[in-house]
């Protein structure tokens, strides 16, 4: 669906999600109250457009980078852990 069709659906009371890959699109006043799914390179992130977002670009609200979460080190990760018994 395009923005014009989505706007008509929202006026009727339907919940519409517009998918886009255009991360450099400027948010316009007629896009307020729409839900836009912005592609981040891996998946689509849903963003509800509010009046404070006007003038910004869509890519600012869908980060392509995920926060890195490291797990615990495994067996043999350091010299000293090579001599630790497994049980």
PDB file of N, CA and C in Angstrom:
ATOM      1  N   UNK A   1       0.836  -1.189   0.000  1.00  0.00           N
ATOM      2  CA  UNK A   1       0.000   0.000   0.000  1.00  0.00           C
ATOM      3  C   UNK A   1       0.874   1.244   0.000  1.00  0.00           C
ATOM      4  N   UNK A   2       0.371   2.284  -0.623  1.00  0.00           N
ATOM      5  CA  UNK A   2       1.102   3.537  -0.593  1.00  0.00           C
ATOM      6  C   UNK A   2       0.545   4.411   0.526  1.00  0.00           C
ATOM      7  N   UNK A   3       1.162   5.557   0.740  1.00  0.00           N
ATOM      8  CA  UNK A   3       0.764   6.414   1.850  1.00  0.00           C
ATOM      9  C   UNK A   3      -0.655   6.954   1.699  1.00  0.00           C
ATOM     10  N   UNK A   4      -1.048   7.279   0.480  1.00  0.00           N
ATOM     11  CA  UNK A   4      -2.390   7.830   0.259  1.00  0.00           C
ATOM     12  C   UNK A   4      -3.456   6.784   0.595  1.00  0.00           C
ATOM     13  N   UNK A   5      -3.254   5.554   0.143  1.00  0.00           N
ATOM     14  CA  UNK A   5      -4.213   4.488   0.431  1.00  0.00           C
ATOM     15  C   UNK A   5      -4.226   4.156   1.923  1.00  0.00           C
ATOM     16  N   UNK A   6      -3.055   4.173   2.543  1.00  0.00           N
ATOM     17  CA  UNK A   6      -2.974   3.882   3.972  1.00  0.00           C
ATOM     18  C   UNK A   6      -3.698   4.948   4.783  1.00  0.00           C
ATOM     19  N   UNK A   7      -3.590   6.206   4.364  1.00  0.00           N
ATOM     20  CA  UNK A   7      -4.257   7.309   5.057  1.00  0.00           C
ATOM     21  C   UNK A   7      -5.776   7.125   5.019  1.00  0.00           C
ATOM     22  N   UNK A   8      -6.307   6.678   3.873  1.00  0.00           N
ATOM     23  CA  UNK A   8      -7.745   6.432   3.755  1.00  0.00           C
ATOM     24  C   UNK A   8      -8.180   5.307   4.692  1.00  0.00           C
ATOM     25  N   UNK A   9      -7.363   4.269   4.798  1.00  0.00           N
ATOM     26  CA  UNK A   9      -7.688   3.140   5.670  1.00  0.00           C
ATOM     27  C   UNK A   9      -7.682   3.565   7.137  1.00  0.00           C
ATOM     28  N   UNK A  10      -6.736   4.438   7.518  1.00  0.00           N
ATOM     29  CA  UNK A  10      -6.663   4.905   8.901  1.00  0.00           C
ATOM     30  C   UNK A  10      -7.893   5.742   9.240  1.00  0.00           C
ATOM     31  N   UNK A  11      -8.352   6.549   8.300  1.00  0.00           N
ATOM     32  CA  UNK A  11      -9.565   7.355   8.524  1.00  0.00           C
ATOM     33  C   UNK A  11     -10.787   6.472   8.756  1.00  0.00           C
ATOM     34  N   UNK A  12     -10.805   5.299   8.126  1.00  0.00           N
ATOM     35  CA  UNK A  12     -11.918   4.360   8.311  1.00  0.00           C
ATOM     36  C   UNK A  12     -11.810   3.601   9.627  1.00  0.00           C
ATOM     37  N   UNK A  13     -10.678   3.745  10.326  1.00  0.00           N
ATOM     38  CA  UNK A  13     -10.509   3.080  11.611  1.00  0.00           C
ATOM     39  C   UNK A  13      -9.715   1.795  11.539  1.00  0.00           C
ATOM     40  N   UNK A  14      -9.179   1.477  10.381  1.00  0.00           N
ATOM     41  CA  UNK A  14      -8.396   0.253  10.239  1.00  0.00           C
ATOM     42  C   UNK A  14      -6.938   0.511  10.615  1.00  0.00           C
ATOM     43  N   UNK A  15      -6.277  -0.516  11.133  1.00  0.00           N
ATOM     44  CA  UNK A  15      -4.861  -0.409  11.487  1.00  0.00           C
ATOM     45  C   UNK A  15      -4.034  -0.906  10.301  1.00  0.00           C
ATOM     46  N   UNK A  16      -3.278  -0.010   9.687  1.00  0.00           N
ATOM     47  CA  UNK A  16      -2.525  -0.321   8.475  1.00  0.00           C
ATOM     48  C   UNK A  16      -1.040  -0.142   8.753  1.00  0.00           C
ATOM     49  N   UNK A  17      -0.225  -1.075   8.250  1.00  0.00           N
ATOM     50  CA  UNK A  17       1.228  -0.966   8.349  1.00  0.00           C
ATOM     51  C   UNK A  17       1.779  -0.829   6.939  1.00  0.00           C
ATOM     52  N   UNK A  18       2.560   0.224   6.706  1.00  0.00           N
ATOM     53  CA  UNK A  18       3.172   0.470   5.402  1.00  0.00           C
ATOM     54  C   UNK A  18       4.629   0.036   5.494  1.00  0.00           C
ATOM     55  N   UNK A  19       5.031  -0.945   4.678  1.00  0.00           N
ATOM     56  CA  UNK A  19       6.420  -1.409   4.674  1.00  0.00           C
ATOM     57  C   UNK A  19       7.239  -0.586   3.690  1.00  0.00           C
ATOM     58  N   UNK A  20       8.489  -0.253   4.083  1.00  0.00           N
ATOM     59  CA  UNK A  20       9.348   0.501   3.186  1.00  0.00           C
ATOM     60  C   UNK A  20      10.813   0.162   3.422  1.00  0.00           C
ATOM     61  N   UNK A  21      11.585   0.255   2.352  1.00  0.00           N
ATOM     62  CA  UNK A  21      13.037   0.134   2.424  1.00  0.00           C
ATOM     63  C   UNK A  21      13.687   1.509   2.366  1.00  0.00           C
ATOM     64  N   UNK A  22      12.899   2.548   2.126  1.00  0.00           N
ATOM     65  CA  UNK A  22      13.420   3.915   1.962  1.00  0.00           C
ATOM     66  C   UNK A  22      13.730   4.517   3.323  1.00  0.00           C
ATOM     67  N   UNK A  23      14.962   4.350   3.761  1.00  0.00           N
ATOM     68  CA  UNK A  23      15.365   4.879   5.056  1.00  0.00           C
ATOM     69  C   UNK A  23      15.675   6.373   4.986  1.00  0.00           C
ATOM     70  N   UNK A  24      15.833   6.920   3.778  1.00  0.00           N
ATOM     71  CA  UNK A  24      16.179   8.335   3.642  1.00  0.00           C
ATOM     72  C   UNK A  24      14.957   9.211   3.340  1.00  0.00           C
ATOM     73  N   UNK A  25      13.755   8.678   3.498  1.00  0.00           N
ATOM     74  CA  UNK A  25      12.536   9.448   3.251  1.00  0.00           C
ATOM     75  C   UNK A  25      12.280  10.399   4.426  1.00  0.00           C
ATOM     76  N   UNK A  26      12.013  11.663   4.120  1.00  0.00           N
ATOM     77  CA  UNK A  26      11.712  12.655   5.149  1.00  0.00           C
ATOM     78  C   UNK A  26      10.266  12.463   5.611  1.00  0.00           C
ATOM     79  N   UNK A  27      10.055  12.546   6.919  1.00  0.00           N
ATOM     80  CA  UNK A  27       8.713  12.385   7.475  1.00  0.00           C
ATOM     81  C   UNK A  27       7.939  13.681   7.266  1.00  0.00           C
ATOM     82  N   UNK A  28       6.785  13.567   6.624  1.00  0.00           N
ATOM     83  CA  UNK A  28       5.940  14.706   6.289  1.00  0.00           C
ATOM     84  C   UNK A  28       4.733  14.770   7.232  1.00  0.00           C
ATOM     85  N   UNK A  29       4.098  15.940   7.341  1.00  0.00           N
ATOM     86  CA  UNK A  29       2.942  16.062   8.242  1.00  0.00           C
ATOM     87  C   UNK A  29       1.800  15.095   7.916  1.00  0.00           C
ATOM     88  N   UNK A  30       1.613  14.748   6.643  1.00  0.00           N
ATOM     89  CA  UNK A  30       0.517  13.829   6.312  1.00  0.00           C
ATOM     90  C   UNK A  30       0.814  12.379   6.707  1.00  0.00           C
ATOM     91  N   UNK A  31       2.015  12.097   7.182  1.00  0.00           N
ATOM     92  CA  UNK A  31       2.370  10.748   7.619  1.00  0.00           C
ATOM     93  C   UNK A  31       2.093  10.531   9.104  1.00  0.00           C
ATOM     94  N   UNK A  32       1.689  11.579   9.827  1.00  0.00           N
ATOM     95  CA  UNK A  32       1.433  11.473  11.267  1.00  0.00           C
ATOM     96  C   UNK A  32       0.293  10.485  11.510  1.00  0.00           C
ATOM     97  N   UNK A  33       0.424   9.683  12.553  1.00  0.00           N
ATOM     98  CA  UNK A  33      -0.527   8.642  12.982  1.00  0.00           C
ATOM     99  C   UNK A  33      -0.466   7.377  12.141  1.00  0.00           C
ATOM    100  N   UNK A  34       0.434   7.298  11.170  1.00  0.00           N
ATOM    101  CA  UNK A  34       0.611   6.056  10.419  1.00  0.00           C
ATOM    102  C   UNK A  34       1.624   5.165  11.132  1.00  0.00           C
ATOM    103  N   UNK A  35       1.510   3.867  10.922  1.00  0.00           N
ATOM    104  CA  UNK A  35       2.514   2.923  11.390  1.00  0.00           C
ATOM    105  C   UNK A  35       3.310   2.490  10.174  1.00  0.00           C
ATOM    106  N   UNK A  36       4.622   2.726  10.218  1.00  0.00           N
ATOM    107  CA  UNK A  36       5.487   2.409   9.088  1.00  0.00           C
ATOM    108  C   UNK A  36       6.502   1.368   9.532  1.00  0.00           C
ATOM    109  N   UNK A  37       6.642   0.306   8.740  1.00  0.00           N
ATOM    110  CA  UNK A  37       7.636  -0.734   9.007  1.00  0.00           C
ATOM    111  C   UNK A  37       8.877  -0.404   8.185  1.00  0.00           C
ATOM    112  N   UNK A  38       9.960  -0.027   8.875  1.00  0.00           N
ATOM    113  CA  UNK A  38      11.185   0.420   8.219  1.00  0.00           C
ATOM    114  C   UNK A  38      12.188  -0.726   8.218  1.00  0.00           C
ATOM    115  N   UNK A  39      12.717  -1.054   7.052  1.00  0.00           N
ATOM    116  CA  UNK A  39      13.672  -2.155   6.928  1.00  0.00           C
ATOM    117  C   UNK A  39      15.033  -1.722   7.454  1.00  0.00           C
ATOM    118  N   UNK A  40      15.657  -2.570   8.284  1.00  0.00           N
ATOM    119  CA  UNK A  40      16.962  -2.220   8.845  1.00  0.00           C
ATOM    120  C   UNK A  40      18.080  -3.085   8.278  1.00  0.00           C
ATOM    121  N   UNK A  41      17.817  -3.803   7.197  1.00  0.00           N
ATOM    122  CA  UNK A  41      18.812  -4.675   6.598  1.00  0.00           C
ATOM    123  C   UNK A  41      18.581  -6.130   6.932  1.00  0.00           C
ATOM    124  N   UNK A  42      17.810  -6.387   7.977  1.00  0.00           N
ATOM    125  CA  UNK A  42      17.543  -7.748   8.411  1.00  0.00           C
ATOM    126  C   UNK A  42      16.038  -7.997   8.535  1.00  0.00           C
ATOM    127  N   UNK A  43      15.335  -7.060   9.137  1.00  0.00           N
ATOM    128  CA  UNK A  43      13.898  -7.213   9.349  1.00  0.00           C
ATOM    129  C   UNK A  43      13.249  -5.837   9.324  1.00  0.00           C
ATOM    130  N   UNK A  44      11.928  -5.817   9.420  1.00  0.00           N
ATOM    131  CA  UNK A  44      11.179  -4.568   9.439  1.00  0.00           C
ATOM    132  C   UNK A  44      10.858  -4.195  10.881  1.00  0.00           C
ATOM    133  N   UNK A  45      11.201  -2.967  11.274  1.00  0.00           N
ATOM    134  CA  UNK A  45      10.869  -2.446  12.596  1.00  0.00           C
ATOM    135  C   UNK A  45       9.678  -1.508  12.459  1.00  0.00           C
ATOM    136  N   UNK A  46       8.637  -1.758  13.254  1.00  0.00           N
ATOM    137  CA  UNK A  46       7.444  -0.913  13.199  1.00  0.00           C
ATOM    138  C   UNK A  46       7.667   0.361  14.002  1.00  0.00           C
ATOM    139  N   UNK A  47       7.283   1.484  13.395  1.00  0.00           N
ATOM    140  CA  UNK A  47       7.413   2.791  14.033  1.00  0.00           C
ATOM    141  C   UNK A  47       6.096   3.533  13.863  1.00  0.00           C
ATOM    142  N   UNK A  48       5.538   4.010  14.960  1.00  0.00           N
ATOM    143  CA  UNK A  48       4.328   4.846  14.922  1.00  0.00           C
ATOM    144  C   UNK A  48       4.782   6.291  14.779  1.00  0.00           C
ATOM    145  N   UNK A  49       4.332   6.962  13.727  1.00  0.00           N
ATOM    146  CA  UNK A  49       4.761   8.326  13.438  1.00  0.00           C
ATOM    147  C   UNK A  49       3.966   9.299  14.310  1.00  0.00           C
ATOM    148  N   UNK A  50       4.689  10.165  15.036  1.00  0.00           N
ATOM    149  CA  UNK A  50       4.081  11.182  15.895  1.00  0.00           C
ATOM    150  C   UNK A  50       4.524  12.562  15.408  1.00  0.00           C
ATOM    151  N   UNK A  51       3.835  13.628  15.810  1.00  0.00           N
ATOM    152  CA  UNK A  51       4.164  14.968  15.297  1.00  0.00           C
ATOM    153  C   UNK A  51       5.603  15.418  15.558  1.00  0.00           C
ATOM    154  N   UNK A  52       6.237  14.960  16.620  1.00  0.00           N
ATOM    155  CA  UNK A  52       7.607  15.373  16.926  1.00  0.00           C
ATOM    156  C   UNK A  52       8.622  14.817  15.930  1.00  0.00           C
ATOM    157  N   UNK A  53       8.238  13.848  15.112  1.00  0.00           N
ATOM    158  CA  UNK A  53       9.152  13.227  14.145  1.00  0.00           C
ATOM    159  C   UNK A  53       9.199  13.962  12.811  1.00  0.00           C
ATOM    160  N   UNK A  54       8.318  14.948  12.596  1.00  0.00           N
ATOM    161  CA  UNK A  54       8.249  15.647  11.309  1.00  0.00           C
ATOM    162  C   UNK A  54       9.582  16.328  11.016  1.00  0.00           C
ATOM    163  N   UNK A  55      10.089  16.122   9.802  1.00  0.00           N
ATOM    164  CA  UNK A  55      11.358  16.715   9.382  1.00  0.00           C
ATOM    165  C   UNK A  55      12.540  15.783   9.527  1.00  0.00           C
ATOM    166  N   UNK A  56      12.391  14.716  10.300  1.00  0.00           N
ATOM    167  CA  UNK A  56      13.455  13.726  10.442  1.00  0.00           C
ATOM    168  C   UNK A  56      13.328  12.708   9.312  1.00  0.00           C
ATOM    169  N   UNK A  57      14.334  11.844   9.169  1.00  0.00           N
ATOM    170  CA  UNK A  57      14.255  10.784   8.167  1.00  0.00           C
ATOM    171  C   UNK A  57      13.888   9.469   8.855  1.00  0.00           C
ATOM    172  N   UNK A  58      13.283   8.557   8.108  1.00  0.00           N
ATOM    173  CA  UNK A  58      12.807   7.299   8.680  1.00  0.00           C
ATOM    174  C   UNK A  58      13.938   6.468   9.280  1.00  0.00           C
ATOM    175  N   UNK A  59      15.119   6.503   8.665  1.00  0.00           N
ATOM    176  CA  UNK A  59      16.237   5.690   9.128  1.00  0.00           C
ATOM    177  C   UNK A  59      16.691   6.012  10.535  1.00  0.00           C
ATOM    178  N   UNK A  60      16.377   7.206  11.037  1.00  0.00           N
ATOM    179  CA  UNK A  60      16.770   7.580  12.393  1.00  0.00           C
ATOM    180  C   UNK A  60      16.034   6.759  13.445  1.00  0.00           C
ATOM    181  N   UNK A  61      14.903   6.183  13.090  1.00  0.00           N
ATOM    182  CA  UNK A  61      14.061   5.491  14.054  1.00  0.00           C
ATOM    183  C   UNK A  61      14.126   3.972  13.918  1.00  0.00           C
ATOM    184  N   UNK A  62      15.011   3.468  13.069  1.00  0.00           N
ATOM    185  CA  UNK A  62      15.190   2.030  12.892  1.00  0.00           C
ATOM    186  C   UNK A  62      16.677   1.744  12.752  1.00  0.00           C
ATOM    187  N   UNK A  63      17.323   1.482  13.874  1.00  0.00           N
ATOM    188  CA  UNK A  63      18.768   1.290  13.876  1.00  0.00           C
ATOM    189  C   UNK A  63      19.154  -0.044  13.234  1.00  0.00           C
ATOM    190  N   UNK A  64      20.147  -0.041  12.324  1.00  0.00           N
ATOM    191  CA  UNK A  64      20.579  -1.289  11.710  1.00  0.00           C
ATOM    192  C   UNK A  64      21.519  -2.094  12.608  1.00  0.00           C
ATOM    193  N   UNK A  65      22.020  -1.472  13.662  1.00  0.00           N
ATOM    194  CA  UNK A  65      22.967  -2.141  14.554  1.00  0.00           C
ATOM    195  C   UNK A  65      22.249  -2.659  15.797  1.00  0.00           C
ATOM    196  N   UNK A  66      22.553  -3.888  16.186  1.00  0.00           N
ATOM    197  CA  UNK A  66      22.014  -4.447  17.415  1.00  0.00           C
ATOM    198  C   UNK A  66      23.076  -4.334  18.503  1.00  0.00           C
ATOM    199  N   UNK A  67      22.637  -4.151  19.735  1.00  0.00           N
ATOM    200  CA  UNK A  67      23.580  -4.068  20.841  1.00  0.00           C
ATOM    201  C   UNK A  67      24.238  -5.434  21.023  1.00  0.00           C
ATOM    202  N   UNK A  68      25.555  -5.446  21.153  1.00  0.00           N
ATOM    203  CA  UNK A  68      26.301  -6.693  21.279  1.00  0.00           C
ATOM    204  C   UNK A  68      26.157  -7.221  22.698  1.00  0.00           C
ATOM    205  N   UNK A  69      25.786  -8.489  22.807  1.00  0.00           N
ATOM    206  CA  UNK A  69      25.668  -9.138  24.108  1.00  0.00           C
ATOM    207  C   UNK A  69      26.592 -10.350  24.100  1.00  0.00           C
ATOM    208  N   UNK A  70      27.653 -10.277  24.866  1.00  0.00           N
ATOM    209  CA  UNK A  70      28.605 -11.376  24.923  1.00  0.00           C
ATOM    210  C   UNK A  70      28.171 -12.376  25.982  1.00  0.00           C
ATOM    211  N   UNK A  71      28.394 -13.655  25.705  1.00  0.00           N
ATOM    212  CA  UNK A  71      28.105 -14.695  26.672  1.00  0.00           C
ATOM    213  C   UNK A  71      29.304 -14.939  27.569  1.00  0.00           C
ATOM    214  N   UNK A  72      29.223 -15.985  28.383  1.00  0.00           N
ATOM    215  CA  UNK A  72      30.336 -16.338  29.254  1.00  0.00           C
ATOM    216  C   UNK A  72      31.441 -16.991  28.442  1.00  0.00           C
ATOM    217  N   UNK A  73      32.710 -16.832  28.858  1.00  0.00           N
ATOM    218  CA  UNK A  73      33.797 -17.478  28.134  1.00  0.00           C
ATOM    219  C   UNK A  73      33.707 -18.998  28.266  1.00  0.00           C
ATOM    220  N   UNK A  74      34.128 -19.699  27.246  1.00  0.00           N
ATOM    221  CA  UNK A  74      34.051 -21.151  27.246  1.00  0.00           C
ATOM    222  C   UNK A  74      35.316 -21.808  27.773  1.00  0.00           C
ATOM    223  N   UNK A  75      35.344 -23.132  27.707  1.00  0.00           N
ATOM    224  CA  UNK A  75      36.502 -23.899  28.142  1.00  0.00           C
ATOM    225  C   UNK A  75      37.662 -23.597  27.199  1.00  0.00           C
ATOM    226  N   UNK A  76      38.818 -23.323  27.740  1.00  0.00           N
ATOM    227  CA  UNK A  76      39.993 -23.046  26.930  1.00  0.00           C
ATOM    228  C   UNK A  76      40.071 -21.610  26.451  1.00  0.00           C
ATOM    229  N   UNK A  77      39.253 -20.738  27.012  1.00  0.00           N
ATOM    230  CA  UNK A  77      39.271 -19.343  26.594  1.00  0.00           C
ATOM    231  C   UNK A  77      40.536 -18.639  27.068  1.00  0.00           C
ATOM    232  N   UNK A  78      41.088 -19.090  28.183  1.00  0.00           N
ATOM    233  CA  UNK A  78      42.343 -18.521  28.690  1.00  0.00           C
ATOM    234  C   UNK A  78      43.304 -19.657  28.984  1.00  0.00           C
ATOM    235  N   UNK A  79      44.559 -19.321  29.216  1.00  0.00           N
ATOM    236  CA  UNK A  79      45.566 -20.352  29.523  1.00  0.00           C
ATOM    237  C   UNK A  79      45.219 -21.088  30.809  1.00  0.00           C
ATOM    238  N   UNK A  80      44.756 -20.362  31.829  1.00  0.00           N
ATOM    239  CA  UNK A  80      44.490 -20.999  33.115  1.00  0.00           C
ATOM    240  C   UNK A  80      43.257 -21.898  33.075  1.00  0.00           C
ATOM    241  N   UNK A  81      42.292 -21.614  32.211  1.00  0.00           N
ATOM    242  CA  UNK A  81      41.083 -22.436  32.177  1.00  0.00           C
ATOM    243  C   UNK A  81      41.326 -23.778  31.484  1.00  0.00           C
ATOM    244  N   UNK A  82      42.462 -23.944  30.834  1.00  0.00           N
ATOM    245  CA  UNK A  82      42.772 -25.222  30.192  1.00  0.00           C
ATOM    246  C   UNK A  82      43.019 -26.311  31.226  1.00  0.00           C
ATOM    247  N   UNK A  83      43.375 -25.931  32.463  1.00  0.00           N
ATOM    248  CA  UNK A  83      43.707 -26.899  33.510  1.00  0.00           C
ATOM    249  C   UNK A  83      42.579 -27.074  34.516  1.00  0.00           C
ATOM    250  N   UNK A  84      41.437 -26.466  34.283  1.00  0.00           N
ATOM    251  CA  UNK A  84      40.299 -26.603  35.187  1.00  0.00           C
ATOM    252  C   UNK A  84      39.556 -27.877  34.809  1.00  0.00           C
ATOM    253  N   UNK A  85      39.261 -28.742  35.798  1.00  0.00           N
ATOM    254  CA  UNK A  85      38.518 -29.964  35.469  1.00  0.00           C
ATOM    255  C   UNK A  85      37.101 -29.621  35.000  1.00  0.00           C
ATOM    256  N   UNK A  86      36.561 -30.457  34.105  1.00  0.00           N
ATOM    257  CA  UNK A  86      35.244 -30.208  33.542  1.00  0.00           C
ATOM    258  C   UNK A  86      34.128 -30.453  34.540  1.00  0.00           C
ATOM    259  N   UNK A  87      34.356 -31.331  35.544  1.00  0.00           N
ATOM    260  CA  UNK A  87      33.297 -31.640  36.516  1.00  0.00           C
ATOM    261  C   UNK A  87      33.519 -30.970  37.825  1.00  0.00           C
TER     262      UNK A  87
END
